Amino acid sequence: MIPGGESGNDKDTKQKEDAEKRNQEIRASILAQILDQDARARLNTIAITKPEKAKMVENMLINMAQTGRLGPKLNEEQLKQILLQVSSGTQKSTTVKFDRRRAAIDSDEDSL
């Protein structure tokens, strides 16, 4: 290693960070072109609470824009419709299982 110089790992890390930053800037630019201000605000709010879902919707919107399936800028109502479609396709059902055998052999009941 050269004194005062960067090691190979530092250069790789810096290059990866720069590439990631450029990708984020490109994504933000594309989203700014296809979403109006209210829709962008809604998507940013979703990104705070559910980053995975927001990323998925962003990818879908960018893909739709690149393939020409989007017209002029999407407004908030149109984004809501897309979000509803995404939500209905990715809903998770919650189930609760109760193991009666384990509950019946509870040692805490012996102290009564």
N, C-alpha and C. Protein backbone atom coordinates (compact mmCIF):
# COMPACT_ATOMS: atom_id res chain seq x y z
N MET A 1 0.84 -1.18 0.00
CA MET A 1 0.00 0.00 0.00
C MET A 1 0.88 1.24 0.00
N ILE A 2 0.52 2.21 -0.79
CA ILE A 2 1.29 3.45 -0.89
C ILE A 2 0.85 4.39 0.22
N PRO A 3 1.81 4.96 0.96
CA PRO A 3 1.42 5.89 2.02
C PRO A 3 0.66 7.08 1.44
N GLY A 4 -0.44 7.41 2.06
CA GLY A 4 -1.25 8.53 1.61
C GLY A 4 -2.14 8.20 0.43
N GLY A 5 -2.01 7.00 -0.12
CA GLY A 5 -2.83 6.60 -1.25
C GLY A 5 -4.01 5.76 -0.78
N GLU A 6 -4.90 5.44 -1.73
CA GLU A 6 -6.06 4.63 -1.38
C GLU A 6 -5.78 3.18 -1.71
N SER A 7 -6.28 2.29 -0.91
CA SER A 7 -6.13 0.87 -1.22
C SER A 7 -7.16 0.48 -2.27
N GLY A 8 -7.02 -0.71 -2.82
CA GLY A 8 -7.94 -1.19 -3.85
C GLY A 8 -9.37 -1.29 -3.34
N ASN A 9 -9.54 -1.72 -2.10
CA ASN A 9 -10.88 -1.85 -1.52
C ASN A 9 -11.55 -0.49 -1.36
N ASP A 10 -10.77 0.52 -0.98
CA ASP A 10 -11.33 1.86 -0.83
C ASP A 10 -11.82 2.39 -2.17
N LYS A 11 -11.05 2.14 -3.24
CA LYS A 11 -11.44 2.60 -4.57
C LYS A 11 -12.71 1.88 -5.03
N ASP A 12 -12.76 0.57 -4.79
CA ASP A 12 -13.95 -0.20 -5.18
C ASP A 12 -15.18 0.29 -4.44
N THR A 13 -15.04 0.52 -3.15
CA THR A 13 -16.15 0.99 -2.34
C THR A 13 -16.62 2.36 -2.82
N LYS A 14 -15.65 3.24 -3.10
CA LYS A 14 -16.00 4.59 -3.57
C LYS A 14 -16.68 4.51 -4.93
N GLN A 15 -16.21 3.65 -5.82
CA GLN A 15 -16.83 3.51 -7.13
C GLN A 15 -18.25 2.97 -7.01
N LYS A 16 -18.45 2.00 -6.12
CA LYS A 16 -19.79 1.45 -5.91
C LYS A 16 -20.73 2.51 -5.35
N GLU A 17 -20.24 3.30 -4.40
CA GLU A 17 -21.06 4.36 -3.82
C GLU A 17 -21.42 5.40 -4.87
N ASP A 18 -20.44 5.76 -5.72
CA ASP A 18 -20.70 6.73 -6.78
C ASP A 18 -21.71 6.19 -7.78
N ALA A 19 -21.58 4.92 -8.14
CA ALA A 19 -22.52 4.31 -9.09
C ALA A 19 -23.92 4.26 -8.49
N GLU A 20 -24.02 3.93 -7.21
CA GLU A 20 -25.32 3.89 -6.53
C GLU A 20 -25.94 5.28 -6.48
N LYS A 21 -25.12 6.28 -6.21
CA LYS A 21 -25.62 7.66 -6.16
C LYS A 21 -26.13 8.09 -7.54
N ARG A 22 -25.39 7.75 -8.61
CA ARG A 22 -25.82 8.09 -9.97
C ARG A 22 -27.13 7.40 -10.30
N ASN A 23 -27.26 6.12 -9.92
CA ASN A 23 -28.50 5.38 -10.17
C ASN A 23 -29.68 6.04 -9.46
N GLN A 24 -29.48 6.46 -8.22
CA GLN A 24 -30.55 7.12 -7.47
C GLN A 24 -30.94 8.45 -8.11
N GLU A 25 -29.94 9.18 -8.61
CA GLU A 25 -30.23 10.46 -9.27
C GLU A 25 -31.01 10.23 -10.56
N ILE A 26 -30.65 9.20 -11.32
CA ILE A 26 -31.35 8.88 -12.56
C ILE A 26 -32.79 8.48 -12.25
N ARG A 27 -32.98 7.64 -11.23
CA ARG A 27 -34.33 7.22 -10.83
C ARG A 27 -35.17 8.43 -10.43
N ALA A 28 -34.58 9.31 -9.63
CA ALA A 28 -35.30 10.51 -9.19
C ALA A 28 -35.68 11.39 -10.38
N SER A 29 -34.78 11.50 -11.34
CA SER A 29 -35.05 12.30 -12.54
C SER A 29 -36.19 11.71 -13.35
N ILE A 30 -36.18 10.40 -13.54
CA ILE A 30 -37.24 9.73 -14.30
C ILE A 30 -38.57 9.89 -13.58
N LEU A 31 -38.57 9.67 -12.26
CA LEU A 31 -39.81 9.79 -11.50
C LEU A 31 -40.34 11.22 -11.53
N ALA A 32 -39.43 12.21 -11.53
CA ALA A 32 -39.86 13.61 -11.60
C ALA A 32 -40.53 13.90 -12.95
N GLN A 33 -40.12 13.18 -13.98
CA GLN A 33 -40.70 13.40 -15.31
C GLN A 33 -42.06 12.73 -15.46
N ILE A 34 -42.29 11.62 -14.73
CA ILE A 34 -43.53 10.87 -14.95
C ILE A 34 -44.58 11.08 -13.86
N LEU A 35 -44.21 11.72 -12.74
CA LEU A 35 -45.16 11.95 -11.65
C LEU A 35 -45.31 13.44 -11.39
N ASP A 36 -46.54 13.87 -11.11
CA ASP A 36 -46.70 15.26 -10.71
C ASP A 36 -46.30 15.40 -9.23
N GLN A 37 -46.32 16.62 -8.73
CA GLN A 37 -45.80 16.89 -7.39
C GLN A 37 -46.56 16.13 -6.29
N ASP A 38 -47.89 16.07 -6.39
CA ASP A 38 -48.68 15.38 -5.37
C ASP A 38 -48.39 13.88 -5.37
N ALA A 39 -48.26 13.31 -6.56
CA ALA A 39 -47.99 11.87 -6.66
C ALA A 39 -46.60 11.56 -6.12
N ARG A 40 -45.63 12.42 -6.40
CA ARG A 40 -44.28 12.21 -5.86
C ARG A 40 -44.29 12.30 -4.34
N ALA A 41 -45.06 13.24 -3.79
CA ALA A 41 -45.15 13.38 -2.34
C ALA A 41 -45.75 12.12 -1.72
N ARG A 42 -46.79 11.57 -2.36
CA ARG A 42 -47.41 10.34 -1.85
C ARG A 42 -46.41 9.18 -1.90
N LEU A 43 -45.68 9.06 -3.00
CA LEU A 43 -44.71 7.97 -3.13
C LEU A 43 -43.59 8.12 -2.10
N ASN A 44 -43.16 9.35 -1.83
CA ASN A 44 -42.13 9.59 -0.81
C ASN A 44 -42.64 9.22 0.58
N THR A 45 -43.90 9.50 0.85
CA THR A 45 -44.49 9.12 2.14
C THR A 45 -44.52 7.61 2.29
N ILE A 46 -44.87 6.92 1.22
CA ILE A 46 -44.88 5.45 1.25
C ILE A 46 -43.46 4.92 1.46
N ALA A 47 -42.48 5.58 0.83
CA ALA A 47 -41.09 5.14 0.96
C ALA A 47 -40.61 5.22 2.40
N ILE A 48 -41.15 6.14 3.17
CA ILE A 48 -40.76 6.27 4.57
C ILE A 48 -41.30 5.10 5.38
N THR A 49 -42.54 4.72 5.13
CA THR A 49 -43.17 3.67 5.93
C THR A 49 -42.92 2.27 5.39
N LYS A 50 -42.91 2.13 4.06
CA LYS A 50 -42.72 0.82 3.44
C LYS A 50 -41.74 0.94 2.28
N PRO A 51 -40.44 0.96 2.59
CA PRO A 51 -39.45 1.18 1.53
C PRO A 51 -39.47 0.12 0.43
N GLU A 52 -39.74 -1.14 0.80
CA GLU A 52 -39.76 -2.21 -0.20
C GLU A 52 -40.88 -1.99 -1.21
N LYS A 53 -42.04 -1.63 -0.69
CA LYS A 53 -43.20 -1.41 -1.55
C LYS A 53 -42.96 -0.20 -2.46
N ALA A 54 -42.40 0.86 -1.92
CA ALA A 54 -42.14 2.06 -2.71
C ALA A 54 -41.13 1.75 -3.82
N LYS A 55 -40.11 0.97 -3.49
CA LYS A 55 -39.10 0.60 -4.49
C LYS A 55 -39.74 -0.22 -5.60
N MET A 56 -40.64 -1.13 -5.22
CA MET A 56 -41.32 -1.97 -6.20
C MET A 56 -42.19 -1.10 -7.12
N VAL A 57 -42.92 -0.15 -6.56
CA VAL A 57 -43.77 0.73 -7.36
C VAL A 57 -42.92 1.62 -8.25
N GLU A 58 -41.81 2.14 -7.72
CA GLU A 58 -40.91 2.96 -8.53
C GLU A 58 -40.39 2.17 -9.72
N ASN A 59 -39.95 0.93 -9.47
CA ASN A 59 -39.45 0.09 -10.56
C ASN A 59 -40.53 -0.14 -11.60
N MET A 60 -41.75 -0.39 -11.14
CA MET A 60 -42.86 -0.63 -12.06
C MET A 60 -43.15 0.62 -12.89
N LEU A 61 -43.18 1.79 -12.25
CA LEU A 61 -43.45 3.03 -12.97
C LEU A 61 -42.36 3.34 -14.00
N ILE A 62 -41.11 3.14 -13.60
CA ILE A 62 -40.00 3.39 -14.52
C ILE A 62 -40.07 2.44 -15.71
N ASN A 63 -40.38 1.18 -15.43
CA ASN A 63 -40.52 0.19 -16.50
C ASN A 63 -41.66 0.58 -17.45
N MET A 64 -42.79 0.99 -16.88
CA MET A 64 -43.93 1.40 -17.70
C MET A 64 -43.57 2.62 -18.55
N ALA A 65 -42.82 3.55 -18.00
CA ALA A 65 -42.43 4.75 -18.74
C ALA A 65 -41.47 4.39 -19.87
N GLN A 66 -40.54 3.47 -19.60
CA GLN A 66 -39.56 3.09 -20.62
C GLN A 66 -40.19 2.31 -21.76
N THR A 67 -41.26 1.58 -21.47
CA THR A 67 -41.92 0.80 -22.52
C THR A 67 -43.05 1.58 -23.18
N GLY A 68 -43.27 2.83 -22.77
CA GLY A 68 -44.27 3.68 -23.41
C GLY A 68 -45.70 3.43 -22.97
N ARG A 69 -45.89 2.78 -21.83
CA ARG A 69 -47.25 2.50 -21.35
C ARG A 69 -47.81 3.63 -20.50
N LEU A 70 -47.02 4.66 -20.26
CA LEU A 70 -47.52 5.82 -19.51
C LEU A 70 -47.63 7.01 -20.45
N GLY A 71 -48.67 7.77 -20.27
CA GLY A 71 -48.86 8.97 -21.06
C GLY A 71 -48.21 10.15 -20.39
N PRO A 72 -48.95 11.25 -20.26
CA PRO A 72 -48.40 12.42 -19.56
C PRO A 72 -48.19 12.10 -18.07
N LYS A 73 -47.79 13.09 -17.32
CA LYS A 73 -47.50 12.87 -15.90
C LYS A 73 -48.69 12.25 -15.17
N LEU A 74 -48.37 11.29 -14.30
CA LEU A 74 -49.40 10.67 -13.47
C LEU A 74 -49.75 11.62 -12.34
N ASN A 75 -51.04 11.73 -12.05
CA ASN A 75 -51.45 12.52 -10.90
C ASN A 75 -51.63 11.59 -9.70
N GLU A 76 -52.00 12.16 -8.58
CA GLU A 76 -52.12 11.38 -7.35
C GLU A 76 -53.19 10.30 -7.45
N GLU A 77 -54.31 10.61 -8.10
CA GLU A 77 -55.39 9.62 -8.23
C GLU A 77 -54.95 8.42 -9.05
N GLN A 78 -54.22 8.67 -10.14
CA GLN A 78 -53.73 7.56 -10.97
C GLN A 78 -52.72 6.72 -10.20
N LEU A 79 -51.88 7.39 -9.41
CA LEU A 79 -50.91 6.66 -8.59
C LEU A 79 -51.64 5.81 -7.55
N LYS A 80 -52.72 6.33 -6.97
CA LYS A 80 -53.51 5.56 -6.00
C LYS A 80 -54.04 4.28 -6.64
N GLN A 81 -54.50 4.38 -7.89
CA GLN A 81 -55.02 3.20 -8.59
C GLN A 81 -53.91 2.16 -8.78
N ILE A 82 -52.72 2.62 -9.14
CA ILE A 82 -51.60 1.70 -9.31
C ILE A 82 -51.24 1.07 -7.97
N LEU A 83 -51.25 1.86 -6.91
CA LEU A 83 -50.94 1.34 -5.58
C LEU A 83 -51.97 0.30 -5.15
N LEU A 84 -53.23 0.53 -5.46
CA LEU A 84 -54.27 -0.45 -5.13
C LEU A 84 -54.04 -1.76 -5.88
N GLN A 85 -53.65 -1.66 -7.14
CA GLN A 85 -53.37 -2.87 -7.92
C GLN A 85 -52.19 -3.63 -7.32
N VAL A 86 -51.16 -2.90 -6.95
CA VAL A 86 -49.98 -3.54 -6.35
C VAL A 86 -50.34 -4.16 -5.01
N SER A 87 -51.11 -3.45 -4.20
CA SER A 87 -51.49 -3.95 -2.88
C SER A 87 -52.36 -5.20 -2.97
N SER A 88 -53.29 -5.21 -3.92
CA SER A 88 -54.16 -6.38 -4.04
C SER A 88 -53.38 -7.59 -4.52
N GLY A 89 -52.32 -7.37 -5.26
CA GLY A 89 -51.51 -8.49 -5.74
C GLY A 89 -50.52 -9.00 -4.72
N THR A 90 -50.20 -8.20 -3.71
CA THR A 90 -49.18 -8.59 -2.75
C THR A 90 -49.69 -8.69 -1.32
N GLN A 91 -50.99 -8.82 -1.14
CA GLN A 91 -51.53 -8.91 0.22
C GLN A 91 -51.08 -10.21 0.88
N LYS A 92 -50.75 -10.09 2.14
CA LYS A 92 -50.36 -11.26 2.93
C LYS A 92 -51.49 -11.57 3.89
N SER A 93 -51.77 -12.85 4.04
CA SER A 93 -52.78 -13.22 5.02
C SER A 93 -52.07 -13.65 6.30
N THR A 94 -52.60 -13.21 7.40
CA THR A 94 -52.02 -13.54 8.70
C THR A 94 -52.82 -14.67 9.32
N THR A 95 -52.11 -15.68 9.79
CA THR A 95 -52.77 -16.79 10.47
C THR A 95 -52.16 -16.96 11.85
N VAL A 96 -52.99 -17.35 12.78
CA VAL A 96 -52.55 -17.60 14.14
C VAL A 96 -52.79 -19.06 14.45
N LYS A 97 -51.73 -19.74 14.90
CA LYS A 97 -51.86 -21.14 15.26
C LYS A 97 -51.71 -21.25 16.77
N PHE A 98 -52.60 -21.99 17.38
CA PHE A 98 -52.58 -22.16 18.82
C PHE A 98 -52.28 -23.63 19.11
N ASP A 99 -51.18 -23.89 19.78
CA ASP A 99 -50.79 -25.26 20.10
C ASP A 99 -51.39 -25.62 21.46
N ARG A 100 -52.47 -26.38 21.44
CA ARG A 100 -53.18 -26.73 22.67
C ARG A 100 -52.36 -27.67 23.56
N ARG A 101 -51.59 -28.52 22.96
CA ARG A 101 -50.81 -29.47 23.77
C ARG A 101 -49.81 -28.72 24.65
N ARG A 102 -49.13 -27.75 24.09
CA ARG A 102 -48.14 -27.01 24.85
C ARG A 102 -48.82 -26.18 25.94
N ALA A 103 -49.97 -25.63 25.66
CA ALA A 103 -50.70 -24.83 26.64
C ALA A 103 -51.23 -25.71 27.77
N ALA A 104 -51.55 -26.96 27.49
CA ALA A 104 -52.09 -27.86 28.51
C ALA A 104 -51.01 -28.32 29.48
N ILE A 105 -49.76 -28.29 29.08
CA ILE A 105 -48.67 -28.77 29.93
C ILE A 105 -47.93 -27.58 30.53
N ASP A 106 -48.64 -26.58 30.93
CA ASP A 106 -48.04 -25.38 31.49
C ASP A 106 -47.67 -25.64 32.95
N SER A 107 -46.40 -25.49 33.30
CA SER A 107 -45.93 -25.77 34.65
C SER A 107 -46.34 -24.68 35.64
N ASP A 108 -46.75 -23.53 35.18
CA ASP A 108 -47.16 -22.45 36.08
C ASP A 108 -48.45 -22.78 36.82
N GLU A 109 -49.27 -23.66 36.28
CA GLU A 109 -50.54 -24.00 36.90
C GLU A 109 -50.36 -24.88 38.15
N ASP A 110 -49.18 -25.46 38.32
CA ASP A 110 -48.93 -26.32 39.48
C ASP A 110 -48.91 -25.53 40.78
N SER A 111 -48.63 -24.26 40.73
CA SER A 111 -48.50 -23.47 41.95
C SER A 111 -49.86 -23.05 42.52
N LEU A 112 -50.96 -23.37 41.84
CA LEU A 112 -52.28 -22.99 42.35
C LEU A 112 -52.70 -23.82 43.47
